[in-house]
Amino acid sequence: MKFAYEDLSPEQFETLIVLLCQKLLGISVQGFAKGPDGGRDAKFVGTAELHPSKAAPWVGTTIIQAKHTNGYNRSFSEADFFSLTAANSVLGKELPRVKKLRDGKLLDHYMLFSNRRLAGNAENDISSYISGQCGLPASSIYLCGVEQLELWLKNFDTVAKLANLDPIDSPLIVSPDDLAEVVQALARSSADVAAAIDAPPTPRMSFEDKNTLNNMTADYAKALRKRYLKETSQIRAFLAAPENADILKFYEAVVEEFQLKIVAKRQDYQTFDNVMEHLLDLLFARDPILRQLSHKRLTRAVLFYMYWNCDIGEEADATTH
C-alpha cells in the first residue's frame, strides 16, 4: 500500500520519521526541534535496537533529518536536492551544519529521510560526498528514499496508523462547502482576481495529445490521472450547479490568472510537471487553508481539473477528444 507523502506537511512528515526511528533505533528518539542555526534535527543517543542490524547496531549519537517535498516523482539526484556545485541545494544547506556537529563530537551517525526516489548509484554518490564533506565513515551514513520508506512501513504497520497516513487510493469525500472553501482560497492566492470572462467552453483535446503538446511527462500524467480523474466529474457538477454561480466566477478568475501567468512566465525547456508543481508550491506557501492535510489533496484535484478540462495549458484549436 502506497501513501501520498506529498500531501503531508513537513511537520507531519517529521512526525512519521520520528515514529519510524523509534522502531529502528529506540523509543527515546527525540523529535524534531529547531536549533540555534535554524535547522531541524531529531536525535537518538545510545545503542540502536535494529539499525543497521541487531548484530552490529550503531552506538553513540545519531542525528536524523527529514526533507519533505510537495512534488511527485522527485529524486535525490535532482539539482535542487543534491549538487556538487549548488550551495543552495537541500544538502548544500544542511551539510555545513552536519559537519559542525561532527567536528564538535556531537554526531556519530547520520540519517537522512526524504519522500524522494533514491537510486543505487545516487545513494553511493551522495553517501560518498557526505562522508568526504563531514568526516563520517560511509557505514555511519544512512539515506532513506520513498522506496525503502514503503518497505519500513510494511514491516512496522502501526507507524502509519499512529501518523494518521491515508492511502493514496482512498476516496475523496468532500462536501460542497469544503470544495467552495478551496476554490475561494485558490482565488485569494492570486495576486489580482479580475472579473471572470464568460467564454464558451473549449472542445477538449485528448489527454495524450495535450500532454505531448504541453511537454508533460508520461509518468507524471499517469500519476495525476490515476489519482484525480475520478474527482473531475464531481468538480464539474459542483461548478455547474446554479447555486454555485458565485463560486464558478471565482474559479474562472483563477483559471484566467493562472493561464496568463503560465503563458508569460513558462520557459521553453520546462516540462508541465514543473509548472504544476511550482503552482502548488506557491499555493501551499501562500494560503494556510490549502496547507491543511484535508485540503492539499483537494487543491491538487482542482488543479488537475483545470488541466484536464483544457482551462490551463496549451491546446490544439481543431483537436477534440
C-alpha atoms as a PDB file:
ATOM      1  CA  MET A   1       0.000   0.000   0.000  1.00  0.00           C
ATOM      2  CA  LYS A   2       1.394   3.377  -1.040  1.00  0.00           C
ATOM      3  CA  PHE A   3       0.863   6.690   0.683  1.00  0.00           C
ATOM      4  CA  ALA A   4       0.595  10.240  -0.638  1.00  0.00           C
ATOM      5  CA  TYR A   5       3.606  11.636   1.226  1.00  0.00           C
ATOM      6  CA  GLU A   6       3.489  14.817  -0.878  1.00  0.00           C
ATOM      7  CA  ASP A   7       0.139  15.656   0.716  1.00  0.00           C
ATOM      8  CA  LEU A   8       1.695  15.737   4.186  1.00  0.00           C
ATOM      9  CA  SER A   9       3.038  18.921   5.663  1.00  0.00           C
ATOM     10  CA  PRO A  10       6.752  18.978   6.569  1.00  0.00           C
ATOM     11  CA  GLU A  11       5.747  18.689  10.233  1.00  0.00           C
ATOM     12  CA  GLN A  12       3.593  15.642   9.563  1.00  0.00           C
ATOM     13  CA  PHE A  13       6.407  14.015   7.604  1.00  0.00           C
ATOM     14  CA  GLU A  14       8.766  14.691  10.515  1.00  0.00           C
ATOM     15  CA  THR A  15       6.305  13.021  12.894  1.00  0.00           C
ATOM     16  CA  LEU A  16       6.223   9.965  10.630  1.00  0.00           C
ATOM     17  CA  ILE A  17      10.032   9.762  10.612  1.00  0.00           C
ATOM     18  CA  VAL A  18      10.265  10.115  14.395  1.00  0.00           C
ATOM     19  CA  LEU A  19       7.779   7.258  14.867  1.00  0.00           C
ATOM     20  CA  LEU A  20       9.695   5.103  12.398  1.00  0.00           C
ATOM     21  CA  CYS A  21      13.062   5.871  14.008  1.00  0.00           C
ATOM     22  CA  GLN A  22      11.656   4.928  17.411  1.00  0.00           C
ATOM     23  CA  LYS A  23      11.196   1.458  15.919  1.00  0.00           C
ATOM     24  CA  LEU A  24      14.612   1.352  14.221  1.00  0.00           C
ATOM     25  CA  LEU A  25      16.704   2.999  16.931  1.00  0.00           C
ATOM     26  CA  GLY A  26      14.744   3.142  20.181  1.00  0.00           C
ATOM     27  CA  ILE A  27      11.809   4.753  21.903  1.00  0.00           C
ATOM     28  CA  SER A  28      13.990   7.582  23.226  1.00  0.00           C
ATOM     29  CA  VAL A  29      14.372   9.219  19.802  1.00  0.00           C
ATOM     30  CA  GLN A  30      13.817  12.920  20.431  1.00  0.00           C
ATOM     31  CA  GLY A  31      11.512  14.701  17.978  1.00  0.00           C
ATOM     32  CA  PHE A  32      12.499  17.385  15.524  1.00  0.00           C
ATOM     33  CA  ALA A  33      13.388  20.673  17.127  1.00  0.00           C
ATOM     34  CA  LYS A  34      14.650  23.917  15.668  1.00  0.00           C
ATOM     35  CA  GLY A  35      18.288  24.541  16.532  1.00  0.00           C
ATOM     36  CA  PRO A  36      20.064  27.875  17.052  1.00  0.00           C
ATOM     37  CA  ASP A  37      21.152  27.862  13.388  1.00  0.00           C
ATOM     38  CA  GLY A  38      17.604  27.376  12.141  1.00  0.00           C
ATOM     39  CA  GLY A  39      17.929  23.711  11.221  1.00  0.00           C
ATOM     40  CA  ARG A  40      15.586  20.961  12.408  1.00  0.00           C
ATOM     41  CA  ASP A  41      17.019  17.679  13.643  1.00  0.00           C
ATOM     42  CA  ALA A  42      15.884  14.669  15.620  1.00  0.00           C
ATOM     43  CA  LYS A  43      18.330  12.808  17.839  1.00  0.00           C
ATOM     44  CA  PHE A  44      18.974   9.418  19.389  1.00  0.00           C
ATOM     45  CA  VAL A  45      21.681   8.694  21.966  1.00  0.00           C
ATOM     46  CA  GLY A  46      22.541   5.109  22.861  1.00  0.00           C
ATOM     47  CA  THR A  47      22.662   1.709  21.183  1.00  0.00           C
ATOM     48  CA  ALA A  48      20.235   1.248  18.297  1.00  0.00           C
ATOM     49  CA  GLU A  49      17.773  -1.613  18.560  1.00  0.00           C
ATOM     50  CA  LEU A  50      17.639  -2.645  14.899  1.00  0.00           C
ATOM     51  CA  HIS A  51      19.777  -0.372  12.767  1.00  0.00           C
ATOM     52  CA  PRO A  52      21.738  -1.237  10.765  1.00  0.00           C
ATOM     53  CA  SER A  53      21.251  -4.695  12.326  1.00  0.00           C
ATOM     54  CA  LYS A  54      20.740  -6.328  15.695  1.00  0.00           C
ATOM     55  CA  ALA A  55      24.151  -7.971  15.409  1.00  0.00           C
ATOM     56  CA  ALA A  56      26.024  -4.739  14.722  1.00  0.00           C
ATOM     57  CA  PRO A  57      23.933  -1.770  15.898  1.00  0.00           C
ATOM     58  CA  TRP A  58      25.012   1.834  15.801  1.00  0.00           C
ATOM     59  CA  VAL A  59      26.303   3.129  19.137  1.00  0.00           C
ATOM     60  CA  GLY A  60      26.562   6.792  20.083  1.00  0.00           C
ATOM     61  CA  THR A  61      24.709   9.899  18.902  1.00  0.00           C
ATOM     62  CA  THR A  62      22.599   9.630  15.776  1.00  0.00           C
ATOM     63  CA  ILE A  63      21.293  12.791  14.123  1.00  0.00           C
ATOM     64  CA  ILE A  64      18.197  12.403  11.947  1.00  0.00           C
ATOM     65  CA  GLN A  65      16.968  14.782   9.262  1.00  0.00           C
ATOM     66  CA  ALA A  66      13.716  14.630   7.275  1.00  0.00           C
ATOM     67  CA  LYS A  67      13.373  16.518   3.997  1.00  0.00           C
ATOM     68  CA  HIS A  68       9.866  16.687   2.568  1.00  0.00           C
ATOM     69  CA  THR A  69       8.828  17.788  -0.920  1.00  0.00           C
ATOM     70  CA  ASN A  70       5.354  18.555  -2.260  1.00  0.00           C
ATOM     71  CA  GLY A  71       6.370  17.233  -5.687  1.00  0.00           C
ATOM     72  CA  TYR A  72       5.534  13.932  -7.383  1.00  0.00           C
ATOM     73  CA  ASN A  73       8.178  11.502  -8.520  1.00  0.00           C
ATOM     74  CA  ARG A  74      11.120  13.604  -7.320  1.00  0.00           C
ATOM     75  CA  SER A  75      14.548  12.116  -6.715  1.00  0.00           C
ATOM     76  CA  PHE A  76      17.613  12.573  -4.526  1.00  0.00           C
ATOM     77  CA  SER A  77      19.760  13.215  -7.602  1.00  0.00           C
ATOM     78  CA  GLU A  78      17.890  16.339  -8.766  1.00  0.00           C
ATOM     79  CA  ALA A  79      19.925  19.526  -8.576  1.00  0.00           C
ATOM     80  CA  ASP A  80      17.613  21.212  -6.073  1.00  0.00           C
ATOM     81  CA  PHE A  81      18.377  18.401  -3.614  1.00  0.00           C
ATOM     82  CA  PHE A  82      21.981  17.432  -4.369  1.00  0.00           C
ATOM     83  CA  SER A  83      24.546  19.204  -6.484  1.00  0.00           C
ATOM     84  CA  LEU A  84      28.324  19.321  -6.301  1.00  0.00           C
ATOM     85  CA  THR A  85      28.240  22.993  -7.266  1.00  0.00           C
ATOM     86  CA  ALA A  86      24.991  24.404  -5.843  1.00  0.00           C
ATOM     87  CA  ALA A  87      25.393  25.616  -2.275  1.00  0.00           C
ATOM     88  CA  ASN A  88      21.678  26.404  -2.063  1.00  0.00           C
ATOM     89  CA  SER A  89      20.569  22.816  -2.693  1.00  0.00           C
ATOM     90  CA  VAL A  90      18.934  20.941   0.186  1.00  0.00           C
ATOM     91  CA  LEU A  91      22.153  19.094   1.033  1.00  0.00           C
ATOM     92  CA  GLY A  92      24.281  22.134   0.268  1.00  0.00           C
ATOM     93  CA  LYS A  93      22.492  23.976   3.067  1.00  0.00           C
ATOM     94  CA  GLU A  94      22.463  21.086   5.548  1.00  0.00           C
ATOM     95  CA  LEU A  95      25.943  19.602   5.318  1.00  0.00           C
ATOM     96  CA  PRO A  96      27.777  22.560   6.920  1.00  0.00           C
ATOM     97  CA  ARG A  97      25.557  22.016   9.966  1.00  0.00           C
ATOM     98  CA  VAL A  98      26.251  18.292   9.942  1.00  0.00           C
ATOM     99  CA  LYS A  99      29.985  18.930   9.686  1.00  0.00           C
ATOM    100  CA  LYS A 100      29.820  21.370  12.603  1.00  0.00           C
ATOM    101  CA  LEU A 101      28.117  18.730  14.753  1.00  0.00           C
ATOM    102  CA  ARG A 102      30.674  16.133  13.702  1.00  0.00           C
ATOM    103  CA  ASP A 103      33.610  18.457  14.426  1.00  0.00           C
ATOM    104  CA  GLY A 104      32.124  19.190  17.833  1.00  0.00           C
ATOM    105  CA  LYS A 105      31.842  15.453  18.587  1.00  0.00           C
ATOM    106  CA  LEU A 106      28.055  15.790  18.774  1.00  0.00           C
ATOM    107  CA  LEU A 107      27.352  13.345  15.948  1.00  0.00           C
ATOM    108  CA  ASP A 108      28.476   9.759  15.387  1.00  0.00           C
ATOM    109  CA  HIS A 109      25.902   8.654  12.797  1.00  0.00           C
ATOM    110  CA  TYR A 110      23.707  10.467  10.296  1.00  0.00           C
ATOM    111  CA  MET A 111      20.298   9.506   8.860  1.00  0.00           C
ATOM    112  CA  LEU A 112      18.530  11.409   6.083  1.00  0.00           C
ATOM    113  CA  PHE A 113      14.923  10.613   5.093  1.00  0.00           C
ATOM    114  CA  SER A 114      13.043  12.081   2.162  1.00  0.00           C
ATOM    115  CA  ASN A 115       9.922  11.313   0.165  1.00  0.00           C
ATOM    116  CA  ARG A 116      12.065  11.209  -2.995  1.00  0.00           C
ATOM    117  CA  ARG A 117      13.224   8.265  -5.080  1.00  0.00           C
ATOM    118  CA  LEU A 118      16.751   7.040  -4.339  1.00  0.00           C
ATOM    119  CA  ALA A 119      18.559   5.028  -6.990  1.00  0.00           C
ATOM    120  CA  GLY A 120      21.520   2.847  -6.037  1.00  0.00           C
ATOM    121  CA  ASN A 121      24.125   4.903  -7.895  1.00  0.00           C
ATOM    122  CA  ALA A 122      22.775   8.122  -6.404  1.00  0.00           C
ATOM    123  CA  GLU A 123      22.926   6.593  -2.932  1.00  0.00           C
ATOM    124  CA  ASN A 124      26.594   5.720  -3.402  1.00  0.00           C
ATOM    125  CA  ASP A 125      27.454   9.141  -4.837  1.00  0.00           C
ATOM    126  CA  ILE A 126      25.639  11.107  -2.160  1.00  0.00           C
ATOM    127  CA  SER A 127      26.898   8.960   0.730  1.00  0.00           C
ATOM    128  CA  SER A 128      30.469   9.337  -0.530  1.00  0.00           C
ATOM    129  CA  TYR A 129      30.019  13.092  -0.811  1.00  0.00           C
ATOM    130  CA  ILE A 130      28.605  13.384   2.718  1.00  0.00           C
ATOM    131  CA  SER A 131      31.431  11.210   4.024  1.00  0.00           C
ATOM    132  CA  GLY A 132      34.062  13.420   2.419  1.00  0.00           C
ATOM    133  CA  GLN A 133      32.441  16.687   3.464  1.00  0.00           C
ATOM    134  CA  CYS A 134      31.668  15.764   7.063  1.00  0.00           C
ATOM    135  CA  GLY A 135      34.378  13.280   8.025  1.00  0.00           C
ATOM    136  CA  LEU A 136      31.924  10.438   8.624  1.00  0.00           C
ATOM    137  CA  PRO A 137      32.602   6.846   7.624  1.00  0.00           C
ATOM    138  CA  ALA A 138      30.209   5.613   4.949  1.00  0.00           C
ATOM    139  CA  SER A 139      28.998   2.924   7.356  1.00  0.00           C
ATOM    140  CA  SER A 140      27.650   5.689   9.633  1.00  0.00           C
ATOM    141  CA  ILE A 141      25.515   7.304   6.931  1.00  0.00           C
ATOM    142  CA  TYR A 142      22.019   6.136   6.035  1.00  0.00           C
ATOM    143  CA  LEU A 143      19.888   7.602   3.243  1.00  0.00           C
ATOM    144  CA  CYS A 144      16.244   6.575   3.001  1.00  0.00           C
ATOM    145  CA  GLY A 145      14.136   7.271  -0.081  1.00  0.00           C
ATOM    146  CA  VAL A 146      10.482   6.606  -0.733  1.00  0.00           C
ATOM    147  CA  GLU A 147      11.083   3.007  -1.862  1.00  0.00           C
ATOM    148  CA  GLN A 148      12.764   1.996   1.402  1.00  0.00           C
ATOM    149  CA  LEU A 149      10.265   4.056   3.376  1.00  0.00           C
ATOM    150  CA  GLU A 150       7.466   1.952   1.893  1.00  0.00           C
ATOM    151  CA  LEU A 151       9.250  -1.240   2.965  1.00  0.00           C
ATOM    152  CA  TRP A 152       9.744   0.047   6.504  1.00  0.00           C
ATOM    153  CA  LEU A 153       6.074   0.976   6.790  1.00  0.00           C
ATOM    154  CA  LYS A 154       5.081  -2.511   5.665  1.00  0.00           C
ATOM    155  CA  ASN A 155       7.324  -4.017   8.350  1.00  0.00           C
ATOM    156  CA  PHE A 156       6.053  -1.590  11.003  1.00  0.00           C
ATOM    157  CA  ASP A 157       2.411  -1.163  10.045  1.00  0.00           C
ATOM    158  CA  THR A 158       1.500   0.601  13.292  1.00  0.00           C
ATOM    159  CA  VAL A 159       3.713   3.563  12.364  1.00  0.00           C
ATOM    160  CA  ALA A 160       1.462   4.704   9.508  1.00  0.00           C
ATOM    161  CA  LYS A 161      -1.606   4.384  11.738  1.00  0.00           C
ATOM    162  CA  LEU A 162       0.000   6.428  14.507  1.00  0.00           C
ATOM    163  CA  ALA A 163       0.986   9.088  11.957  1.00  0.00           C
ATOM    164  CA  ASN A 164      -2.561   9.144  10.520  1.00  0.00           C
ATOM    165  CA  LEU A 165      -1.428   8.389   6.977  1.00  0.00           C
ATOM    166  CA  ASP A 166      -4.099   7.645   4.397  1.00  0.00           C
ATOM    167  CA  PRO A 167      -3.515   5.525   1.279  1.00  0.00           C
ATOM    168  CA  ILE A 168      -3.413   7.456  -1.998  1.00  0.00           C
ATOM    169  CA  ASP A 169      -6.282   5.397  -3.364  1.00  0.00           C
ATOM    170  CA  SER A 170      -8.667   6.303  -0.563  1.00  0.00           C
ATOM    171  CA  PRO A 171     -11.783   8.002  -1.989  1.00  0.00           C
ATOM    172  CA  LEU A 172     -12.055  11.774  -1.917  1.00  0.00           C
ATOM    173  CA  ILE A 173     -15.171  12.580   0.071  1.00  0.00           C
ATOM    174  CA  VAL A 174     -15.854  16.292   0.416  1.00  0.00           C
ATOM    175  CA  SER A 175     -18.916  18.412   0.951  1.00  0.00           C
ATOM    176  CA  PRO A 176     -19.740  21.311  -1.388  1.00  0.00           C
ATOM    177  CA  ASP A 177     -18.722  23.652   1.423  1.00  0.00           C
ATOM    178  CA  ASP A 178     -15.244  22.117   1.502  1.00  0.00           C
ATOM    179  CA  LEU A 179     -14.851  22.485  -2.239  1.00  0.00           C
ATOM    180  CA  ALA A 180     -16.141  26.055  -2.145  1.00  0.00           C
ATOM    181  CA  GLU A 181     -13.635  26.907   0.565  1.00  0.00           C
ATOM    182  CA  VAL A 182     -10.740  25.572  -1.501  1.00  0.00           C
ATOM    183  CA  VAL A 183     -11.805  27.264  -4.723  1.00  0.00           C
ATOM    184  CA  GLN A 184     -12.164  30.578  -2.895  1.00  0.00           C
ATOM    185  CA  ALA A 185      -8.770  30.013  -1.285  1.00  0.00           C
ATOM    186  CA  LEU A 186      -7.314  29.493  -4.756  1.00  0.00           C
ATOM    187  CA  ALA A 187      -8.805  32.827  -5.786  1.00  0.00           C
ATOM    188  CA  ARG A 188      -7.352  34.557  -2.705  1.00  0.00           C
ATOM    189  CA  SER A 189      -3.928  33.192  -3.603  1.00  0.00           C
ATOM    190  CA  SER A 190      -3.949  35.020  -6.918  1.00  0.00           C
ATOM    191  CA  ALA A 191      -2.255  38.384  -6.973  1.00  0.00           C
ATOM    192  CA  ASP A 192      -5.237  40.165  -8.505  1.00  0.00           C
ATOM    193  CA  VAL A 193      -8.576  38.452  -9.024  1.00  0.00           C
ATOM    194  CA  ALA A 194     -10.237  40.115 -12.006  1.00  0.00           C
ATOM    195  CA  ALA A 195     -13.826  39.751 -13.118  1.00  0.00           C
ATOM    196  CA  ALA A 196     -14.442  36.406 -14.777  1.00  0.00           C
ATOM    197  CA  ILE A 197     -14.810  36.312 -18.559  1.00  0.00           C
ATOM    198  CA  ASP A 198     -17.847  34.441 -19.787  1.00  0.00           C
ATOM    199  CA  ALA A 199     -16.353  32.350 -22.586  1.00  0.00           C
ATOM    200  CA  PRO A 200     -17.833  29.323 -24.303  1.00  0.00           C
ATOM    201  CA  PRO A 201     -16.305  26.004 -23.305  1.00  0.00           C
ATOM    202  CA  THR A 202     -13.391  24.864 -25.430  1.00  0.00           C
ATOM    203  CA  PRO A 203     -13.651  21.452 -27.083  1.00  0.00           C
ATOM    204  CA  ARG A 204     -11.285  19.218 -25.095  1.00  0.00           C
ATOM    205  CA  MET A 205      -8.439  17.548 -26.932  1.00  0.00           C
ATOM    206  CA  SER A 206      -7.332  14.067 -25.897  1.00  0.00           C
ATOM    207  CA  PHE A 207      -5.313  13.806 -22.707  1.00  0.00           C
ATOM    208  CA  GLU A 208      -2.417  12.143 -24.514  1.00  0.00           C
ATOM    209  CA  ASP A 209      -2.258  14.832 -27.218  1.00  0.00           C
ATOM    210  CA  LYS A 210      -2.490  17.576 -24.624  1.00  0.00           C
ATOM    211  CA  ASN A 211       0.381  16.047 -22.653  1.00  0.00           C
ATOM    212  CA  THR A 212       2.555  15.897 -25.758  1.00  0.00           C
ATOM    213  CA  LEU A 213       1.722  19.477 -26.700  1.00  0.00           C
ATOM    214  CA  ASN A 214       2.463  20.746 -23.198  1.00  0.00           C
ATOM    215  CA  ASN A 215       5.532  18.575 -22.554  1.00  0.00           C
ATOM    216  CA  MET A 216       4.069  16.768 -19.573  1.00  0.00           C
ATOM    217  CA  THR A 217       5.974  13.552 -18.882  1.00  0.00           C
ATOM    218  CA  ALA A 218       4.171  10.237 -19.214  1.00  0.00           C
ATOM    219  CA  ASP A 219       4.850   9.144 -15.617  1.00  0.00           C
ATOM    220  CA  TYR A 220       3.571  12.404 -14.162  1.00  0.00           C
ATOM    221  CA  ALA A 221       0.463  12.379 -16.355  1.00  0.00           C
ATOM    222  CA  LYS A 222      -0.257   8.768 -15.394  1.00  0.00           C
ATOM    223  CA  ALA A 223       0.026   9.584 -11.683  1.00  0.00           C
ATOM    224  CA  LEU A 224      -2.317  12.560 -11.995  1.00  0.00           C
ATOM    225  CA  ARG A 225      -4.888  10.638 -13.980  1.00  0.00           C
ATOM    226  CA  LYS A 226      -4.850   7.680 -11.597  1.00  0.00           C
ATOM    227  CA  ARG A 227      -5.273   9.810  -8.510  1.00  0.00           C
ATOM    228  CA  TYR A 228      -7.650  12.553  -9.596  1.00  0.00           C
ATOM    229  CA  LEU A 229      -9.611  11.554 -12.692  1.00  0.00           C
ATOM    230  CA  LYS A 230     -12.475  10.246 -10.583  1.00  0.00           C
ATOM    231  CA  GLU A 231     -12.853  13.694  -8.992  1.00  0.00           C
ATOM    232  CA  THR A 232     -13.263  15.620 -12.266  1.00  0.00           C
ATOM    233  CA  SER A 233     -16.951  14.805 -12.703  1.00  0.00           C
ATOM    234  CA  GLN A 234     -17.652  15.781  -9.085  1.00  0.00           C
ATOM    235  CA  ILE A 235     -15.898  19.131  -9.533  1.00  0.00           C
ATOM    236  CA  ARG A 236     -17.631  19.773 -12.869  1.00  0.00           C
ATOM    237  CA  ALA A 237     -21.061  19.046 -11.392  1.00  0.00           C
ATOM    238  CA  PHE A 238     -20.396  21.316  -8.432  1.00  0.00           C
ATOM    239  CA  LEU A 239     -19.245  24.232 -10.583  1.00  0.00           C
ATOM    240  CA  ALA A 240     -22.210  23.776 -12.961  1.00  0.00           C
ATOM    241  CA  ALA A 241     -24.817  23.902 -10.200  1.00  0.00           C
ATOM    242  CA  PRO A 242     -26.845  27.159 -10.395  1.00  0.00           C
ATOM    243  CA  GLU A 243     -26.499  27.765  -6.666  1.00  0.00           C
ATOM    244  CA  ASN A 244     -22.704  27.837  -7.082  1.00  0.00           C
ATOM    245  CA  ALA A 245     -22.604  30.579  -9.723  1.00  0.00           C
ATOM    246  CA  ASP A 246     -20.519  32.838  -7.474  1.00  0.00           C
ATOM    247  CA  ILE A 247     -18.003  30.054  -6.892  1.00  0.00           C
ATOM    248  CA  LEU A 248     -17.781  29.441 -10.646  1.00  0.00           C
ATOM    249  CA  LYS A 249     -16.814  33.082 -11.099  1.00  0.00           C
ATOM    250  CA  PHE A 250     -14.020  32.633  -8.558  1.00  0.00           C
ATOM    251  CA  TYR A 251     -12.878  29.543 -10.445  1.00  0.00           C
ATOM    252  CA  GLU A 252     -12.916  31.288 -13.843  1.00  0.00           C
ATOM    253  CA  ALA A 253     -10.952  34.235 -12.446  1.00  0.00           C
ATOM    254  CA  VAL A 254      -8.288  31.886 -11.055  1.00  0.00           C
ATOM    255  CA  VAL A 255      -8.079  29.984 -14.354  1.00  0.00           C
ATOM    256  CA  GLU A 256      -7.545  33.226 -16.241  1.00  0.00           C
ATOM    257  CA  GLU A 257      -4.849  34.334 -13.818  1.00  0.00           C
ATOM    258  CA  PHE A 258      -3.024  31.007 -13.941  1.00  0.00           C
ATOM    259  CA  GLN A 259      -3.214  30.628 -17.703  1.00  0.00           C
ATOM    260  CA  LEU A 260      -1.874  34.111 -18.388  1.00  0.00           C
ATOM    261  CA  LYS A 261       0.987  33.635 -15.938  1.00  0.00           C
ATOM    262  CA  ILE A 262       1.847  30.235 -17.404  1.00  0.00           C
ATOM    263  CA  VAL A 263       1.997  31.722 -20.899  1.00  0.00           C
ATOM    264  CA  ALA A 264       4.052  34.706 -19.726  1.00  0.00           C
ATOM    265  CA  LYS A 265       6.458  33.037 -17.317  1.00  0.00           C
ATOM    266  CA  ARG A 266       6.965  29.485 -18.558  1.00  0.00           C
ATOM    267  CA  GLN A 267      10.345  28.804 -20.127  1.00  0.00           C
ATOM    268  CA  ASP A 268      10.562  26.646 -23.248  1.00  0.00           C
ATOM    269  CA  TYR A 269      12.616  23.870 -21.660  1.00  0.00           C
ATOM    270  CA  GLN A 270      10.316  23.336 -18.676  1.00  0.00           C
ATOM    271  CA  THR A 271       8.052  20.342 -18.503  1.00  0.00           C
ATOM    272  CA  PHE A 272       4.465  20.972 -17.498  1.00  0.00           C
ATOM    273  CA  ASP A 273       5.257  18.802 -14.474  1.00  0.00           C
ATOM    274  CA  ASN A 274       7.418  21.699 -13.260  1.00  0.00           C
ATOM    275  CA  VAL A 275       4.650  24.205 -13.956  1.00  0.00           C
ATOM    276  CA  MET A 276       2.082  22.236 -11.948  1.00  0.00           C
ATOM    277  CA  GLU A 277       4.412  21.672  -9.004  1.00  0.00           C
ATOM    278  CA  HIS A 278       5.501  25.318  -8.982  1.00  0.00           C
ATOM    279  CA  LEU A 279       1.870  26.444  -8.843  1.00  0.00           C
ATOM    280  CA  LEU A 280       1.158  24.019  -5.998  1.00  0.00           C
ATOM    281  CA  ASP A 281       4.207  25.160  -4.033  1.00  0.00           C
ATOM    282  CA  LEU A 282       3.080  28.773  -4.356  1.00  0.00           C
ATOM    283  CA  LEU A 283      -0.479  27.973  -3.315  1.00  0.00           C
ATOM    284  CA  PHE A 284       0.569  25.933  -0.285  1.00  0.00           C
ATOM    285  CA  ALA A 285       3.048  28.616   0.768  1.00  0.00           C
ATOM    286  CA  ARG A 286       0.552  31.466   0.475  1.00  0.00           C
ATOM    287  CA  ASP A 287      -2.614  30.083   1.993  1.00  0.00           C
ATOM    288  CA  PRO A 288      -2.899  28.269   5.340  1.00  0.00           C
ATOM    289  CA  ILE A 289      -6.223  26.692   4.318  1.00  0.00           C
ATOM    290  CA  LEU A 290      -4.590  24.936   1.390  1.00  0.00           C
ATOM    291  CA  ARG A 291      -1.785  23.653   3.606  1.00  0.00           C
ATOM    292  CA  GLN A 292      -4.227  21.684   5.741  1.00  0.00           C
ATOM    293  CA  LEU A 293      -3.969  17.945   5.118  1.00  0.00           C
ATOM    294  CA  SER A 294      -7.662  17.650   4.272  1.00  0.00           C
ATOM    295  CA  HIS A 295      -7.344  20.398   1.636  1.00  0.00           C
ATOM    296  CA  LYS A 296      -3.998  19.620  -0.008  1.00  0.00           C
ATOM    297  CA  ARG A 297      -5.360  16.669  -1.954  1.00  0.00           C
ATOM    298  CA  LEU A 298      -8.448  18.645  -2.979  1.00  0.00           C
ATOM    299  CA  THR A 299      -6.273  21.532  -4.189  1.00  0.00           C
ATOM    300  CA  ARG A 300      -4.319  19.096  -6.355  1.00  0.00           C
ATOM    301  CA  ALA A 301      -7.583  17.667  -7.693  1.00  0.00           C
ATOM    302  CA  VAL A 302      -8.859  21.136  -8.651  1.00  0.00           C
ATOM    303  CA  LEU A 303      -5.584  21.989 -10.409  1.00  0.00           C
ATOM    304  CA  PHE A 304      -5.725  18.700 -12.304  1.00  0.00           C
ATOM    305  CA  TYR A 305      -9.315  19.505 -13.289  1.00  0.00           C
ATOM    306  CA  MET A 306      -8.116  22.812 -14.735  1.00  0.00           C
ATOM    307  CA  TYR A 307      -5.582  20.976 -16.877  1.00  0.00           C
ATOM    308  CA  TRP A 308      -7.883  18.072 -17.795  1.00  0.00           C
ATOM    309  CA  ASN A 309     -10.659  20.488 -18.786  1.00  0.00           C
ATOM    310  CA  CYS A 310      -8.233  22.460 -21.004  1.00  0.00           C
ATOM    311  CA  ASP A 311      -8.618  25.538 -18.803  1.00  0.00           C
ATOM    312  CA  ILE A 312      -4.838  25.810 -18.395  1.00  0.00           C
ATOM    313  CA  GLY A 313      -2.053  24.701 -20.698  1.00  0.00           C
ATOM    314  CA  GLU A 314      -1.749  24.803 -24.468  1.00  0.00           C
ATOM    315  CA  GLU A 315      -4.391  23.223 -26.685  1.00  0.00           C
ATOM    316  CA  ALA A 316      -4.769  22.441 -30.376  1.00  0.00           C
ATOM    317  CA  ASP A 317      -7.506  24.516 -31.996  1.00  0.00           C
ATOM    318  CA  ALA A 318      -9.082  21.789 -34.075  1.00  0.00           C
ATOM    319  CA  THR A 319      -8.419  18.709 -31.951  1.00  0.00           C
ATOM    320  CA  THR A 320     -11.185  17.249 -29.869  1.00  0.00           C
ATOM    321  CA  HIS A 321     -11.428  14.204 -27.629  1.00  0.00           C
END
